[in-house]
Protein backbone atom coordinates (compact mmCIF):
# COMPACT_ATOMS: atom_id res chain seq x y z
CA UNK A 1 10.18 4.03 5.67
CA UNK A 2 10.66 7.33 7.50
CA UNK A 3 11.35 9.19 4.23
CA UNK A 4 8.18 7.77 2.66
CA UNK A 5 6.13 8.75 5.71
CA UNK A 6 7.47 12.30 5.42
CA UNK A 7 6.53 12.33 1.74
CA UNK A 8 2.95 11.27 2.51
CA UNK A 9 2.63 13.92 5.19
CA UNK A 10 4.13 16.47 2.83
CA UNK A 11 1.56 15.63 0.17
CA UNK A 12 -1.36 16.27 2.53
CA UNK A 13 0.17 19.34 4.20
CA UNK A 14 1.16 20.81 0.84
CA UNK A 15 -2.38 20.36 -0.43
CA UNK A 16 -3.79 22.08 2.65
CA UNK A 17 -1.31 24.96 2.34
CA UNK A 18 -2.11 25.63 -1.32
CA UNK A 19 -5.83 25.30 -0.68
CA UNK A 20 -5.78 27.72 2.26
CA UNK A 21 -3.73 30.31 0.42
CA UNK A 22 -5.84 30.15 -2.73
CA UNK A 23 -9.16 30.29 -0.88
CA UNK A 24 -8.68 33.98 -0.06
CA UNK A 25 -8.71 34.98 -3.74
CA UNK A 26 -10.71 32.09 -5.20
CA UNK A 27 -12.60 33.26 -8.28
CA UNK A 28 -11.16 36.79 -8.28
CA UNK A 29 -9.76 38.19 -11.50
CA UNK A 30 -6.04 38.91 -11.74
CA UNK A 31 -6.84 42.63 -11.82
CA UNK A 32 -8.86 42.33 -8.61
CA UNK A 33 -6.04 40.41 -6.93
CA UNK A 34 -3.54 43.10 -7.92
CA UNK A 35 -5.86 45.83 -6.68
CA UNK A 36 -6.16 44.16 -3.27
CA UNK A 37 -2.62 42.85 -2.79
CA UNK A 38 -0.32 44.83 -5.06
CA UNK A 39 1.22 44.35 -8.53
CA UNK A 40 2.68 40.92 -7.67
CA UNK A 41 -0.55 39.57 -6.24
CA UNK A 42 -0.98 37.54 -3.07
CA UNK A 43 2.40 36.47 -1.66
CA UNK A 44 1.32 34.80 1.58
CA UNK A 45 -1.67 33.82 3.68
CA UNK A 46 -4.34 36.47 4.21
CA UNK A 47 -5.21 36.16 7.90
CA UNK A 48 -7.58 39.12 8.16
CA UNK A 49 -10.61 37.00 9.07
CA UNK A 50 -8.94 34.89 11.79
CA UNK A 51 -5.63 33.73 13.21
CA UNK A 52 -5.34 30.85 10.77
CA UNK A 53 -5.85 30.26 7.07
CA UNK A 54 -8.83 27.90 6.69
CA UNK A 55 -8.82 24.84 4.45
CA UNK A 56 -11.76 24.28 2.12
CA UNK A 57 -13.64 21.29 0.75
CA UNK A 58 -10.67 20.49 -1.54
CA UNK A 59 -8.63 19.35 1.46
CA UNK A 60 -11.62 18.04 3.38
CA UNK A 61 -12.74 15.69 0.60
CA UNK A 62 -9.25 14.30 0.05
CA UNK A 63 -8.84 13.67 3.79
CA UNK A 64 -12.24 11.98 4.15
CA UNK A 65 -11.56 9.74 1.17
CA UNK A 66 -8.12 8.83 2.52
CA UNK A 67 -9.88 7.87 5.75
CA UNK A 68 -12.48 5.78 3.91
CA UNK A 69 -9.93 3.97 1.76
CA UNK A 70 -7.81 3.11 4.80
CA UNK A 71 -10.86 1.73 6.58
CA UNK A 72 -11.43 -0.60 3.62
CA UNK A 73 -7.91 -1.94 4.15
CA UNK A 74 -8.29 -2.31 7.93
CA UNK A 75 -11.45 -4.35 7.36
CA UNK A 76 -9.80 -6.52 4.77
CA UNK A 77 -12.22 -5.46 2.04
CA UNK A 78 -11.32 -5.12 -1.63
CA UNK A 79 -14.38 -2.99 -2.46
CA UNK A 80 -12.53 0.27 -1.85
CA UNK A 81 -15.11 2.37 -3.70
CA UNK A 82 -17.86 1.33 -1.31
CA UNK A 83 -15.96 2.70 1.68
CA UNK A 84 -15.06 5.85 -0.23
CA UNK A 85 -18.76 6.47 -0.83
CA UNK A 86 -19.52 6.07 2.87
CA UNK A 87 -16.76 8.57 3.69
CA UNK A 88 -18.10 11.03 1.12
CA UNK A 89 -21.58 10.79 2.63
CA UNK A 90 -20.14 11.53 6.05
CA UNK A 91 -18.39 14.61 4.70
CA UNK A 92 -21.73 15.68 3.19
CA UNK A 93 -23.41 15.45 6.60
CA UNK A 94 -20.64 17.60 8.06
CA UNK A 95 -21.55 20.33 5.57
CA UNK A 96 -25.20 20.25 6.62
CA UNK A 97 -24.99 20.22 10.42
CA UNK A 98 -22.76 22.14 12.78
CA UNK A 99 -23.06 19.69 15.68
CA UNK A 100 -20.66 16.79 16.17
CA UNK A 101 -21.82 13.63 14.42
CA UNK A 102 -23.60 11.24 16.81
CA UNK A 103 -22.30 8.15 15.03
CA UNK A 104 -19.19 8.91 13.00
CA UNK A 105 -17.78 6.53 10.46
CA UNK A 106 -14.52 8.41 9.84
CA UNK A 107 -12.34 9.49 12.75
CA UNK A 108 -11.55 12.67 10.85
CA UNK A 109 -15.15 13.78 11.46
CA UNK A 110 -14.12 14.64 15.01
CA UNK A 111 -11.78 17.39 13.82
CA UNK A 112 -13.54 20.78 13.60
CA UNK A 113 -11.46 22.03 10.65
CA UNK A 114 -12.74 19.16 8.52
CA UNK A 115 -16.39 19.90 9.29
CA UNK A 116 -16.38 23.62 8.54
CA UNK A 117 -18.72 24.54 5.73
CA UNK A 118 -16.30 25.65 3.04
CA UNK A 119 -17.67 23.73 0.05
CA UNK A 120 -16.32 25.22 -3.20
CA UNK A 121 -18.75 23.41 -5.54
CA UNK A 122 -22.48 23.67 -4.74
CA UNK A 123 -23.42 21.31 -7.59
CA UNK A 124 -21.16 18.65 -6.13
CA UNK A 125 -22.79 19.01 -2.71
CA UNK A 126 -26.22 18.60 -4.31
CA UNK A 127 -24.98 15.41 -5.96
CA UNK A 128 -23.66 13.90 -2.73
CA UNK A 129 -27.13 14.20 -1.19
CA UNK A 130 -28.69 11.86 -3.76
CA UNK A 131 -29.46 8.20 -3.11
CA UNK A 132 -27.05 6.97 -5.79
CA UNK A 133 -23.87 8.41 -7.26
CA UNK A 134 -22.55 8.39 -10.79
CA UNK A 135 -19.75 6.37 -12.36
CA UNK A 136 -17.48 6.73 -15.38
CA UNK A 137 -19.79 4.51 -17.47
CA UNK A 138 -23.06 5.90 -16.09
CA UNK A 139 -22.54 9.59 -15.26
CA UNK A 140 -25.24 11.50 -13.40
CA UNK A 141 -24.21 14.92 -14.72
CA UNK A 142 -21.61 16.69 -16.85
CA UNK A 143 -20.05 18.84 -14.14
CA UNK A 144 -16.62 20.09 -15.25
CA UNK A 145 -15.80 22.04 -12.07
CA UNK A 146 -12.68 21.09 -10.07
CA UNK A 147 -14.61 20.49 -6.84
CA UNK A 148 -13.64 16.82 -6.56
CA UNK A 149 -10.23 16.89 -8.31
CA UNK A 150 -8.39 16.32 -5.01
CA UNK A 151 -10.15 12.97 -4.62
CA UNK A 152 -7.45 11.79 -7.02
CA UNK A 153 -4.80 12.71 -4.44
CA UNK A 154 -6.35 10.16 -2.09
CA UNK A 155 -6.25 7.52 -4.85
CA UNK A 156 -2.61 8.26 -5.64
CA UNK A 157 -1.59 8.08 -1.99
CA UNK A 158 -3.54 4.86 -1.54
CA UNK A 159 -1.45 2.97 -4.09
CA UNK A 160 0.71 0.18 -2.74
CA UNK A 161 1.96 -2.65 -4.96
CA UNK A 162 0.91 -5.15 -2.28
CA UNK A 163 -2.78 -4.18 -2.40
CA UNK A 164 -3.39 -2.58 -5.79
CA UNK A 165 -2.16 -3.14 -9.32
CA UNK A 166 -0.53 -0.02 -10.78
CA UNK A 167 -2.98 0.12 -13.70
CA UNK A 168 -5.88 0.30 -11.22
CA UNK A 169 -4.81 3.67 -9.81
CA UNK A 170 -6.32 5.67 -12.67
CA UNK A 171 -9.66 3.82 -12.72
CA UNK A 172 -9.99 4.20 -8.94
CA UNK A 173 -9.35 7.94 -9.16
CA UNK A 174 -11.70 8.28 -12.12
CA UNK A 175 -14.49 6.48 -10.29
CA UNK A 176 -13.98 8.58 -7.15
CA UNK A 177 -14.43 11.77 -9.14
CA UNK A 178 -17.24 10.38 -11.34
CA UNK A 179 -19.31 9.87 -8.19
CA UNK A 180 -20.09 13.59 -8.38
CA UNK A 181 -18.57 14.85 -11.65
CA UNK A 182 -19.60 13.00 -14.80
CA UNK A 183 -17.64 14.92 -17.41
CA UNK A 184 -14.99 12.60 -18.96
CA UNK A 185 -12.23 15.23 -19.08
CA UNK A 186 -12.89 15.89 -15.40
CA UNK A 187 -12.58 12.33 -14.11
CA UNK A 188 -9.77 11.53 -16.56
CA UNK A 189 -7.89 14.52 -15.15
CA UNK A 190 -8.20 12.73 -11.84
CA UNK A 191 -6.59 9.64 -13.33
CA UNK A 192 -3.60 11.70 -14.48
CA UNK A 193 -3.26 13.36 -11.07
CA UNK A 194 -3.48 10.02 -9.25
CA UNK A 195 -0.79 8.45 -11.47
CA UNK A 196 1.36 11.54 -10.86
CA UNK A 197 1.01 11.39 -7.07
CA UNK A 198 1.64 7.64 -6.97
CA UNK A 199 4.66 8.02 -9.23
CA UNK A 200 6.21 10.74 -7.09
CA UNK A 201 5.70 8.71 -3.90
CA UNK A 202 7.04 5.47 -5.39
CA UNK A 203 9.83 6.90 -7.57
CA UNK A 204 10.84 10.28 -6.06
CA UNK A 205 14.14 10.34 -7.96
CA UNK A 206 12.40 11.00 -11.28
CA UNK A 207 11.89 14.61 -12.41
CA UNK A 208 8.49 16.25 -12.29
CA UNK A 209 8.42 16.55 -16.06
CA UNK A 210 9.01 12.79 -16.38
CA UNK A 211 6.28 12.09 -13.83
CA UNK A 212 3.79 14.29 -15.66
CA UNK A 213 4.55 12.93 -19.11
CA UNK A 214 4.33 9.32 -17.95
CA UNK A 215 1.03 9.93 -16.11
CA UNK A 216 -0.44 11.59 -19.22
CA UNK A 217 0.73 8.75 -21.46
CA UNK A 218 -0.66 6.05 -19.16
CA UNK A 219 -4.06 7.77 -18.95
CA UNK A 220 -4.19 8.29 -22.72
CA UNK A 221 -3.28 4.69 -23.47
CA UNK A 222 -5.64 3.29 -20.87
CA UNK A 223 -8.77 5.32 -21.62
CA UNK A 224 -8.54 6.49 -25.25
CA UNK A 225 -10.58 3.54 -26.55
CA UNK A 226 -13.29 4.22 -23.96
CA UNK A 227 -13.49 8.03 -23.99
CA UNK A 228 -12.54 10.13 -27.00
CA UNK A 229 -11.89 13.03 -24.62
CA UNK A 230 -8.73 11.28 -23.38
CA UNK A 231 -6.76 12.33 -26.46
CA UNK A 232 -7.86 15.96 -26.16
CA UNK A 233 -7.02 16.04 -22.46
CA UNK A 234 -3.58 14.53 -23.09
CA UNK A 235 -2.89 17.21 -25.70
CA UNK A 236 -4.03 19.97 -23.33
CA UNK A 237 -1.81 18.77 -20.50
CA UNK A 238 1.22 18.26 -22.75
CA UNK A 239 0.77 21.82 -23.95
CA UNK A 240 0.94 23.06 -20.34
CA UNK A 241 4.17 21.11 -19.80
CA UNK A 242 5.67 22.48 -23.02
CA UNK A 243 4.61 26.03 -22.13
CA UNK A 244 6.34 25.80 -18.76
CA UNK A 245 9.57 24.45 -20.25
CA UNK A 246 9.63 26.96 -23.12
CA UNK A 247 10.16 29.96 -20.85
CA UNK A 248 8.38 32.18 -23.39
CA UNK A 249 5.82 33.56 -20.93
CA UNK A 250 5.92 34.75 -17.35
CA UNK A 251 4.38 32.49 -14.71
CA UNK A 252 1.35 34.76 -14.34
CA UNK A 253 0.86 35.05 -18.11
CA UNK A 254 1.03 31.29 -18.42
CA UNK A 255 -1.63 30.77 -15.76
CA UNK A 256 -3.96 33.21 -17.48
CA UNK A 257 -3.40 31.50 -20.80
CA UNK A 258 -4.27 28.09 -19.33
CA UNK A 259 -7.59 29.35 -17.96
CA UNK A 260 -7.71 27.41 -14.68
CA UNK A 261 -11.50 27.33 -14.38
CA UNK A 262 -12.53 23.72 -15.06
CA UNK A 263 -10.89 20.58 -13.66
CA UNK A 264 -8.69 19.87 -16.70
CA UNK A 265 -7.48 23.48 -16.82
CA UNK A 266 -6.77 23.47 -13.07
CA UNK A 267 -4.62 20.36 -13.44
CA UNK A 268 -2.82 21.95 -16.40
CA UNK A 269 -2.25 25.08 -14.32
CA UNK A 270 -0.88 23.04 -11.42
CA UNK A 271 1.54 21.25 -13.74
CA UNK A 272 2.67 24.59 -15.16
CA UNK A 273 3.15 26.11 -11.69
CA UNK A 274 5.16 23.10 -10.49
CA UNK A 275 7.41 23.06 -13.54
CA UNK A 276 8.16 26.78 -13.42
CA UNK A 277 9.37 26.37 -9.81
CA UNK A 278 10.30 22.68 -9.47
CA UNK A 279 12.54 23.20 -6.43
CA UNK A 280 10.73 26.08 -4.72
CA UNK A 281 7.45 25.23 -2.99
CA UNK A 282 6.63 28.83 -2.04
CA UNK A 283 7.07 30.20 -5.55
CA UNK A 284 5.08 27.32 -7.04
CA UNK A 285 2.14 28.03 -4.72
CA UNK A 286 2.32 31.78 -5.41
CA UNK A 287 2.13 31.05 -9.13
CA UNK A 288 -0.66 28.51 -8.60
CA UNK A 289 -3.05 30.93 -6.89
CA UNK A 290 -2.40 34.25 -8.64
CA UNK A 291 -4.70 34.17 -11.66
CA UNK A 292 -8.32 34.70 -12.68
CA UNK A 293 -9.36 31.07 -12.20
CA UNK A 294 -10.15 28.73 -9.31
CA UNK A 295 -7.22 29.55 -7.06
CA UNK A 296 -8.02 27.16 -4.20
CA UNK A 297 -8.23 24.12 -6.49
CA UNK A 298 -5.02 24.90 -8.38
CA UNK A 299 -3.25 25.73 -5.14
CA UNK A 300 -4.37 22.45 -3.53
CA UNK A 301 -3.28 20.31 -6.49
CA UNK A 302 0.03 22.14 -6.81
CA UNK A 303 0.70 21.76 -3.08
CA UNK A 304 -0.03 18.04 -3.17
CA UNK A 305 2.35 17.49 -6.08
């Protein structure tokens, strides 16, 4: 039990660490990163603005959704998505007002770091203000950005055989992301990430490559008949795994080749970063953030894994 608790804490802390490190250079080109930090890029936290490295909406959203999903369990409710929506709305309010919430639903709302206005996806924030959200079957937009990708981390951590069937992990993650991001490759990327996180927490003895390949296969088999994009996403992610294991490119070259701008590419980049440094957290995070893409998102996903 103690080992599993440490693993859950590690998942959340790793996500926060990668998010905070990547935020400093989020959206910069590799050339700009080298110009500011040297030929090897950013190698640690940039604390110029304050004494700490701030987390962004990637960590905030995952934490709020974890809070919402746990509340659904404490109230004995099976409608987990309903409570996730309520938690997401509370996070949205935190991004609009600086004052403490008068009537908070999630206890995490009381923590200042989780109310700071560091949203990395303005389109997502616009979506959370609407009366109704989207779903995988009835999307409200075609947003491909990685703003909600870490919602899948909450879904993966939430899995427990006593309260959720294993095959429901992917659909839960997909629906969490489809609330704000209606592109199929985007919410299906969430399904892969959720299966990966759940697999690591439940079967930590298996290698990362095995975890990734199984998560990809489960997503592909589960969703291919519903979304033709599942096959293309599976191929893209398998290519990232193969590229990492081939050793034919440097870590930085591999990240540039994978793009790391939309949600699917960010997940592919995180897989690549993890596989190039499977036993070295620091090196994996350094690889995950030093590229021309969305550094905070890739860093957060890599840290969680």
